[in-house]
């Protein structure tokens, strides 16, 4: 029966051409959505690298200071930060409060290029904090040590890197502990910078530990290299600084007002914006998933139109083949055999459309047309898309094949 169905499909290749193109287009659309979903799901299942429960972001801004930028030496507010930290640590619901330059889950980020011993450059996301902050949010140290008193006053800046950075900068299974990485930024005119900034930029950066990961942009983000440098006195310059505040479980929103009031009392002219990390995470997830939801809605309407068009084309095909179907019934073919033949024919057409669509879809990982579609997500994405398209094609064939199977031989042979 399969050979007969393929022969009929080939004989009607011109009439099936439009159906094949529609199925191929539907496969490509479904593949993109499935591959992106597979990528997001695979990322979501990976460890985040830190805890976000009972952790708040405290952004402290100076409302009285003017803005300074460019190569101008900015004033240090380390003393103000120290006073704020001391006051917040005295509050009864505070479990830990530490500086953290870039808060997770927000759009803001800091990137730098680093060069190792072989001068191979690695672009990495970076952050700055303390060992106490990282331990408070459950960051896992895989190798080496945390920042410590031994790094105080040294001619190097101690940093922690994640496993992805080690793989990209030094190779798989490399020992990164104690290795030097230099900051590289050819666009910065070092000779025109203030002396303090120039020394900081040219200072040696030394890896003292390796962490599992720190996925700053949340569970749906792709794996990226990450470097966390040690917070040192005088680092905070400008008109704002960020703190990580871990509170006791069950702490309510009323504590936010107490935190804000405490900051304003010890640092007049400074105001605090307080947001729980859980809220930032939910916002980040909603932003990430919004394009996927929109694409899924549009794709659902498109696939529904394809199925309805397929039903119409098959119904017309059944009407044109009334005499052929009646002759088969007169020769003894049962209704079930006729129904299976119609379904097998359309499945063959669907398989041809999927094959053409796969040729187009394979270009996405080859040419890196969509950043979230790589080989790890493309293969299962193709399998999911092919299965869904075949199911929809089969559903579209059910009613026309049922009509064909109900035809009586005598009625079909009298059809003109």
Protein backbone atom coordinates (compact mmCIF):
# COMPACT_ATOMS: atom_id res chain seq x y z
CA UNK A 1 0.00 0.00 0.00
CA UNK A 2 2.91 2.37 0.74
CA UNK A 3 4.34 1.87 -2.74
CA UNK A 4 0.91 2.54 -4.29
CA UNK A 5 0.48 5.68 -2.14
CA UNK A 6 3.91 7.02 -3.16
CA UNK A 7 3.09 6.38 -6.81
CA UNK A 8 -0.19 8.31 -6.51
CA UNK A 9 1.59 11.19 -4.76
CA UNK A 10 4.19 11.32 -7.53
CA UNK A 11 1.52 11.26 -10.26
CA UNK A 12 -0.23 14.22 -8.61
CA UNK A 13 2.97 16.11 -7.79
CA UNK A 14 1.80 19.29 -9.51
CA UNK A 15 -1.44 19.46 -7.55
CA UNK A 16 0.42 18.60 -4.32
CA UNK A 17 3.11 21.26 -4.85
CA UNK A 18 1.34 23.99 -2.89
CA UNK A 19 0.55 21.61 -0.02
CA UNK A 20 4.21 20.54 0.17
CA UNK A 21 5.36 24.19 0.30
CA UNK A 22 2.87 24.98 3.08
CA UNK A 23 3.99 21.97 5.11
CA UNK A 24 7.66 22.89 4.59
CA UNK A 25 7.00 26.45 5.79
CA UNK A 26 5.05 25.15 8.77
CA UNK A 27 7.94 22.82 9.62
CA UNK A 28 10.50 25.66 9.55
CA UNK A 29 8.34 27.86 11.80
CA UNK A 30 7.71 24.98 14.20
CA UNK A 31 11.38 24.01 14.18
CA UNK A 32 12.55 27.51 15.18
CA UNK A 33 10.05 27.65 18.04
CA UNK A 34 10.86 24.09 19.17
CA UNK A 35 14.64 24.59 19.01
CA UNK A 36 14.47 27.85 20.99
CA UNK A 37 12.21 26.15 23.56
CA UNK A 38 14.62 23.22 23.86
CA UNK A 39 17.50 25.67 24.41
CA UNK A 40 15.58 27.58 27.09
CA UNK A 41 14.52 24.35 28.83
CA UNK A 42 18.08 22.97 28.79
CA UNK A 43 19.37 26.23 30.28
CA UNK A 44 16.62 26.29 32.90
CA UNK A 45 17.62 22.85 34.14
CA UNK A 46 21.24 23.92 34.72
CA UNK A 47 22.18 25.17 38.20
CA UNK A 48 21.85 28.93 38.62
CA UNK A 49 25.02 29.16 40.68
CA UNK A 50 23.54 31.20 43.54
CA UNK A 51 20.44 31.52 45.74
CA UNK A 52 17.90 34.30 45.29
CA UNK A 53 15.44 33.54 48.09
CA UNK A 54 15.35 36.13 50.90
CA UNK A 55 17.89 38.28 49.07
CA UNK A 56 17.20 41.92 48.25
CA UNK A 57 18.92 44.42 45.99
CA UNK A 58 19.67 47.78 47.63
CA UNK A 59 20.66 50.47 45.10
CA UNK A 60 21.95 53.57 46.93
CA UNK A 61 22.16 56.84 44.99
CA UNK A 62 23.52 60.27 45.91
CA UNK A 63 20.90 62.86 44.98
CA UNK A 64 23.16 65.85 45.71
CA UNK A 65 26.28 64.93 43.73
CA UNK A 66 26.80 66.09 40.18
CA UNK A 67 27.61 63.59 37.48
CA UNK A 68 31.19 62.89 36.44
CA UNK A 69 32.20 60.71 33.56
CA UNK A 70 34.89 59.98 31.02
CA UNK A 71 38.50 60.27 32.14
CA UNK A 72 37.77 62.54 35.13
CA UNK A 73 38.78 61.11 38.50
CA UNK A 74 35.54 60.37 40.33
CA UNK A 75 35.21 60.90 44.09
CA UNK A 76 35.29 57.85 46.34
CA UNK A 77 32.26 57.10 48.50
CA UNK A 78 33.80 54.10 50.27
CA UNK A 79 33.42 55.80 53.65
CA UNK A 80 29.71 56.34 53.02
CA UNK A 81 29.34 52.74 51.94
CA UNK A 82 31.12 51.55 55.09
CA UNK A 83 28.74 53.55 57.30
CA UNK A 84 25.70 52.20 55.45
CA UNK A 85 26.96 48.63 55.79
CA UNK A 86 27.60 49.09 59.52
CA UNK A 87 24.10 50.49 60.09
CA UNK A 88 22.32 47.80 58.07
CA UNK A 89 24.22 44.97 59.77
CA UNK A 90 22.86 46.21 63.10
CA UNK A 91 19.23 45.73 62.00
CA UNK A 92 17.53 42.70 63.60
CA UNK A 93 16.30 41.04 60.36
CA UNK A 94 19.63 41.32 58.50
CA UNK A 95 21.39 38.01 57.86
CA UNK A 96 24.11 39.50 55.64
CA UNK A 97 24.77 42.73 53.77
CA UNK A 98 27.69 43.12 51.39
CA UNK A 99 28.63 45.18 48.32
CA UNK A 100 27.82 43.69 44.92
CA UNK A 101 28.57 45.86 41.92
CA UNK A 102 26.12 44.32 39.40
CA UNK A 103 22.83 42.89 40.63
CA UNK A 104 21.65 39.64 38.99
CA UNK A 105 18.58 39.47 36.73
CA UNK A 106 18.78 43.11 35.57
CA UNK A 107 19.77 44.29 32.09
CA UNK A 108 22.89 46.08 33.32
CA UNK A 109 26.16 44.20 32.91
CA UNK A 110 29.91 44.78 32.77
CA UNK A 111 32.18 43.08 30.23
CA UNK A 112 35.95 43.04 29.91
CA UNK A 113 38.52 41.21 27.80
CA UNK A 114 41.25 39.26 29.57
CA UNK A 115 44.47 37.82 28.16
CA UNK A 116 46.28 34.86 29.73
CA UNK A 117 49.88 33.70 29.42
CA UNK A 118 49.47 32.80 25.74
CA UNK A 119 47.86 36.20 24.97
CA UNK A 120 44.60 34.50 23.98
CA UNK A 121 41.84 37.01 24.73
CA UNK A 122 38.61 36.02 26.48
CA UNK A 123 35.63 38.37 26.63
CA UNK A 124 33.86 37.83 29.92
CA UNK A 125 31.09 39.24 32.05
CA UNK A 126 32.52 40.62 35.27
CA UNK A 127 31.35 41.61 38.72
CA UNK A 128 32.87 42.79 41.99
CA UNK A 129 32.00 41.68 45.51
CA UNK A 130 33.31 40.04 48.68
CA UNK A 131 33.77 36.43 49.70
CA UNK A 132 31.16 36.94 52.44
CA UNK A 133 28.58 38.04 49.86
CA UNK A 134 29.20 35.05 47.61
CA UNK A 135 29.04 32.63 50.53
CA UNK A 136 25.82 34.23 51.78
CA UNK A 137 24.04 33.52 48.47
CA UNK A 138 25.37 29.98 48.16
CA UNK A 139 27.99 30.32 45.42
CA UNK A 140 29.94 27.04 45.22
CA UNK A 141 33.73 27.15 45.25
CA UNK A 142 35.01 24.31 43.03
CA UNK A 143 38.77 24.89 43.23
CA UNK A 144 41.23 27.15 45.02
CA UNK A 145 40.13 29.53 47.77
CA UNK A 146 37.92 32.52 48.48
CA UNK A 147 39.19 36.06 48.69
CA UNK A 148 40.94 36.49 52.00
CA UNK A 149 43.14 38.62 54.22
CA UNK A 150 46.17 37.38 52.29
CA UNK A 151 44.99 39.43 49.28
CA UNK A 152 44.90 42.69 51.24
CA UNK A 153 47.48 45.25 50.09
CA UNK A 154 48.97 43.02 47.40
CA UNK A 155 50.16 44.27 44.02
CA UNK A 156 47.56 42.07 42.30
CA UNK A 157 43.76 42.01 42.31
CA UNK A 158 42.34 38.63 43.31
CA UNK A 159 39.53 37.24 41.17
CA UNK A 160 37.30 34.18 41.00
CA UNK A 161 36.39 32.73 37.60
CA UNK A 162 33.78 30.17 36.60
CA UNK A 163 34.46 26.86 34.87
CA UNK A 164 33.38 28.25 31.49
CA UNK A 165 36.09 30.91 31.72
CA UNK A 166 38.74 28.27 32.50
CA UNK A 167 37.68 26.16 29.49
CA UNK A 168 37.72 29.12 27.09
CA UNK A 169 40.82 30.89 28.38
CA UNK A 170 43.08 27.93 29.21
CA UNK A 171 41.43 24.81 27.77
CA UNK A 172 39.52 21.86 29.28
CA UNK A 173 40.83 20.43 32.55
CA UNK A 174 43.41 23.24 32.85
CA UNK A 175 44.66 24.35 36.27
CA UNK A 176 43.78 28.04 36.55
CA UNK A 177 44.70 28.65 40.19
CA UNK A 178 47.44 31.27 40.54
CA UNK A 179 47.47 32.16 36.86
CA UNK A 180 47.61 35.76 35.70
CA UNK A 181 45.08 37.35 33.37
CA UNK A 182 45.54 40.91 32.13
CA UNK A 183 42.72 43.28 31.32
CA UNK A 184 42.73 44.23 27.66
CA UNK A 185 40.89 47.24 26.27
CA UNK A 186 42.62 48.88 23.28
CA UNK A 187 39.92 51.56 23.06
CA UNK A 188 40.86 53.14 26.39
CA UNK A 189 43.59 55.84 26.11
CA UNK A 190 45.65 54.72 29.10
CA UNK A 191 48.12 57.59 28.76
CA UNK A 192 45.34 60.17 29.26
CA UNK A 193 43.85 58.55 32.34
CA UNK A 194 44.39 59.83 35.90
CA UNK A 195 47.25 58.08 37.67
CA UNK A 196 45.04 56.09 40.04
CA UNK A 197 42.85 54.77 37.24
CA UNK A 198 45.88 53.92 35.10
CA UNK A 199 47.48 51.92 37.90
CA UNK A 200 44.23 50.08 38.53
CA UNK A 201 43.85 49.18 34.86
CA UNK A 202 47.42 47.94 34.46
CA UNK A 203 47.48 46.07 37.75
CA UNK A 204 47.95 42.30 37.64
CA UNK A 205 44.79 40.21 37.92
CA UNK A 206 45.37 36.83 39.58
CA UNK A 207 42.96 33.87 39.77
CA UNK A 208 42.68 32.54 43.32
CA UNK A 209 39.60 30.34 42.94
CA UNK A 210 37.18 28.73 40.51
CA UNK A 211 33.41 28.71 41.08
CA UNK A 212 30.86 26.45 39.44
CA UNK A 213 28.93 29.30 37.84
CA UNK A 214 27.24 32.65 38.38
CA UNK A 215 24.43 33.00 35.84
CA UNK A 216 23.76 36.70 36.23
CA UNK A 217 20.92 36.85 33.70
CA UNK A 218 18.94 33.99 35.19
CA UNK A 219 18.12 30.38 34.41
CA UNK A 220 17.18 30.94 30.76
CA UNK A 221 20.52 32.57 29.88
CA UNK A 222 23.13 30.70 27.85
CA UNK A 223 26.38 29.68 29.48
CA UNK A 224 28.91 32.51 29.59
CA UNK A 225 32.34 33.19 31.01
CA UNK A 226 32.34 35.06 34.33
CA UNK A 227 34.93 36.85 36.47
CA UNK A 228 34.30 38.19 40.00
CA UNK A 229 36.96 40.47 41.40
CA UNK A 230 37.56 41.20 45.07
CA UNK A 231 35.98 44.36 46.51
CA UNK A 232 38.74 46.62 47.80
CA UNK A 233 38.75 49.92 49.73
CA UNK A 234 38.29 52.85 47.38
CA UNK A 235 36.55 50.81 44.67
CA UNK A 236 33.24 52.61 44.99
CA UNK A 237 33.45 55.79 42.95
CA UNK A 238 30.66 57.81 41.43
CA UNK A 239 27.19 58.72 42.58
CA UNK A 240 25.82 55.26 43.45
CA UNK A 241 26.65 51.81 44.77
CA UNK A 242 24.77 48.52 45.06
CA UNK A 243 24.41 46.23 48.04
CA UNK A 244 23.29 42.66 48.52
CA UNK A 245 20.99 42.32 51.53
CA UNK A 246 20.06 38.87 52.77
CA UNK A 247 17.21 38.92 55.26
CA UNK A 248 15.78 36.37 57.66
CA UNK A 249 13.09 34.06 56.20
CA UNK A 250 9.61 35.52 56.47
CA UNK A 251 10.76 39.15 56.45
CA UNK A 252 7.95 41.33 55.14
CA UNK A 253 7.82 44.42 52.96
CA UNK A 254 7.68 46.68 56.02
CA UNK A 255 11.37 45.97 56.58
CA UNK A 256 12.11 47.75 53.28
CA UNK A 257 10.95 51.04 54.82
CA UNK A 258 13.21 50.45 57.82
CA UNK A 259 16.19 49.78 55.53
CA UNK A 260 15.53 52.93 53.49
CA UNK A 261 15.12 55.05 56.61
CA UNK A 262 18.34 53.67 58.10
CA UNK A 263 20.33 54.54 54.99
CA UNK A 264 18.94 58.08 54.85
CA UNK A 265 19.74 58.61 58.54
CA UNK A 266 23.42 57.65 58.27
CA UNK A 267 23.95 59.06 54.76
CA UNK A 268 21.97 62.31 54.29
CA UNK A 269 21.33 63.06 50.64
CA UNK A 270 21.46 59.37 49.68
CA UNK A 271 18.30 57.43 48.83
CA UNK A 272 17.79 53.68 48.51
CA UNK A 273 15.80 51.65 45.99
CA UNK A 274 15.04 48.18 47.36
CA UNK A 275 13.88 45.23 45.23
CA UNK A 276 13.76 41.51 46.16
CA UNK A 277 15.79 39.29 43.86
CA UNK A 278 12.77 37.02 43.42
CA UNK A 279 10.87 39.95 41.88
CA UNK A 280 13.81 40.77 39.60
CA UNK A 281 13.96 37.11 38.57
CA UNK A 282 10.25 37.01 37.69
CA UNK A 283 10.60 40.19 35.64
CA UNK A 284 13.61 38.75 33.84
CA UNK A 285 11.76 35.53 33.07
CA UNK A 286 8.73 37.40 31.77
CA UNK A 287 10.94 39.52 29.50
CA UNK A 288 12.77 36.45 28.18
CA UNK A 289 9.64 34.40 27.55
CA UNK A 290 7.52 37.19 26.04
CA UNK A 291 8.93 36.81 22.48
CA UNK A 292 8.54 33.03 22.74
CA UNK A 293 4.89 33.37 23.82
CA UNK A 294 4.17 35.81 20.99
CA UNK A 295 5.88 33.52 18.47
CA UNK A 296 3.98 30.50 19.83
CA UNK A 297 0.65 32.33 19.44
CA UNK A 298 1.42 33.40 15.88
CA UNK A 299 2.68 29.90 15.03
CA UNK A 300 -0.47 28.31 16.42
CA UNK A 301 -2.65 30.47 14.14
CA UNK A 302 -0.39 29.69 11.19
CA UNK A 303 -0.52 25.94 11.83
CA UNK A 304 -4.31 26.11 12.25
CA UNK A 305 -4.57 27.79 8.84
CA UNK A 306 -2.32 25.13 7.32
CA UNK A 307 -4.47 22.33 8.77
CA UNK A 308 -7.71 23.94 7.57
CA UNK A 309 -6.22 24.47 4.12
CA UNK A 310 -5.07 20.86 4.11
CA UNK A 311 -8.56 19.68 4.95
CA UNK A 312 -9.98 21.72 2.06
CA UNK A 313 -7.41 20.41 -0.42
CA UNK A 314 -7.98 16.80 0.65
CA UNK A 315 -11.75 17.19 0.51
CA UNK A 316 -11.50 18.47 -3.08
CA UNK A 317 -9.14 15.61 -3.91
CA UNK A 318 -11.61 13.07 -2.51
CA UNK A 319 -14.42 14.61 -4.59
CA UNK A 320 -12.31 14.42 -7.78
CA UNK A 321 -11.48 10.80 -7.09
CA UNK A 322 -15.01 9.70 -6.38
CA UNK A 323 -15.09 7.26 -9.30
CA UNK A 324 -11.68 5.84 -8.43
CA UNK A 325 -12.77 5.28 -4.82
CA UNK A 326 -16.08 3.78 -5.96
CA UNK A 327 -14.26 1.36 -8.26
CA UNK A 328 -12.03 0.22 -5.41
CA UNK A 329 -15.06 -0.29 -3.19
CA UNK A 330 -16.81 -2.25 -5.97
CA UNK A 331 -13.73 -4.49 -6.29
CA UNK A 332 -14.02 -5.34 -2.59
CA UNK A 333 -11.97 -2.72 -0.77
CA UNK A 334 -13.30 -2.02 2.70
CA UNK A 335 -13.89 1.47 4.07
CA UNK A 336 -10.96 1.12 6.46
CA UNK A 337 -8.58 0.34 3.57
CA UNK A 338 -9.75 3.43 1.67
CA UNK A 339 -9.35 5.56 4.77
CA UNK A 340 -5.82 4.29 5.40
CA UNK A 341 -4.86 4.92 1.77
CA UNK A 342 -5.93 8.58 1.94
CA UNK A 343 -4.11 9.03 5.23
CA UNK A 344 -0.98 7.30 3.95
CA UNK A 345 -0.92 9.52 0.86
CA UNK A 346 -1.09 12.72 2.86
CA UNK A 347 1.54 11.43 5.29
CA UNK A 348 3.82 10.87 2.31
CA UNK A 349 3.15 14.45 1.17
CA UNK A 350 3.84 15.64 4.73
CA UNK A 351 7.11 13.71 4.87
CA UNK A 352 8.21 15.33 1.61
CA UNK A 353 7.37 18.79 2.98
CA UNK A 354 9.27 18.03 6.21
CA UNK A 355 12.30 16.90 4.19
CA UNK A 356 12.33 20.17 2.23
CA UNK A 357 11.80 22.16 5.43
CA UNK A 358 14.66 20.30 7.12
CA UNK A 359 17.02 21.43 4.36
CA UNK A 360 16.10 25.02 5.19
CA UNK A 361 16.10 24.47 8.97
CA UNK A 362 19.60 22.99 8.97
CA UNK A 363 20.92 26.39 7.90
CA UNK A 364 20.03 27.92 11.28
CA UNK A 365 22.76 26.14 13.30
CA UNK A 366 25.16 26.08 10.35
CA UNK A 367 25.02 29.84 9.74
CA UNK A 368 24.17 30.76 13.36
CA UNK A 369 21.10 32.68 12.19
CA UNK A 370 19.51 32.54 15.67
CA UNK A 371 21.82 32.66 18.69
CA UNK A 372 19.70 30.26 20.72
CA UNK A 373 19.70 27.57 18.02
CA UNK A 374 22.81 25.40 18.13
CA UNK A 375 23.33 21.73 17.34
CA UNK A 376 22.37 20.71 20.87
CA UNK A 377 18.91 22.24 20.41
CA UNK A 378 18.57 21.83 16.62
CA UNK A 379 18.44 18.01 16.57
CA UNK A 380 15.68 17.61 19.20
CA UNK A 381 13.97 20.68 17.72
CA UNK A 382 13.77 18.98 14.33
CA UNK A 383 12.43 15.79 15.90
CA UNK A 384 9.74 17.68 17.82
CA UNK A 385 8.78 19.77 14.79
CA UNK A 386 8.58 16.70 12.52
CA UNK A 387 6.43 14.80 15.04
CA UNK A 388 4.07 17.77 15.49
CA UNK A 389 3.71 18.38 11.74
CA UNK A 390 2.99 14.70 11.04
CA UNK A 391 0.36 14.66 13.79
CA UNK A 392 -1.28 17.80 12.38
CA UNK A 393 -1.17 16.38 8.85
CA UNK A 394 -2.80 13.19 10.07
CA UNK A 395 -5.48 15.18 11.91
CA UNK A 396 -6.13 17.16 8.74
CA UNK A 397 -6.62 13.90 6.83
CA UNK A 398 -9.09 12.34 9.25
CA UNK A 399 -12.29 14.01 8.03
CA UNK A 400 -11.63 13.73 4.26
CA UNK A 401 -10.57 10.10 4.64
CA UNK A 402 -13.70 9.43 6.68
CA UNK A 403 -15.83 10.93 3.89
CA UNK A 404 -14.05 8.76 1.32
CA UNK A 405 -14.59 5.61 3.38
CA UNK A 406 -18.35 6.30 3.66
CA UNK A 407 -18.95 6.41 -0.06
CA UNK A 408 -21.11 3.58 -1.38
CA UNK A 409 -19.83 1.85 -4.55
CA UNK A 410 -23.10 2.33 -6.48
CA UNK A 411 -23.31 6.04 -5.62
CA UNK A 412 -19.67 6.63 -6.49
CA UNK A 413 -19.90 4.88 -9.87
CA UNK A 414 -22.93 7.01 -10.85
CA UNK A 415 -20.99 10.23 -10.03
CA UNK A 416 -20.37 12.61 -12.92
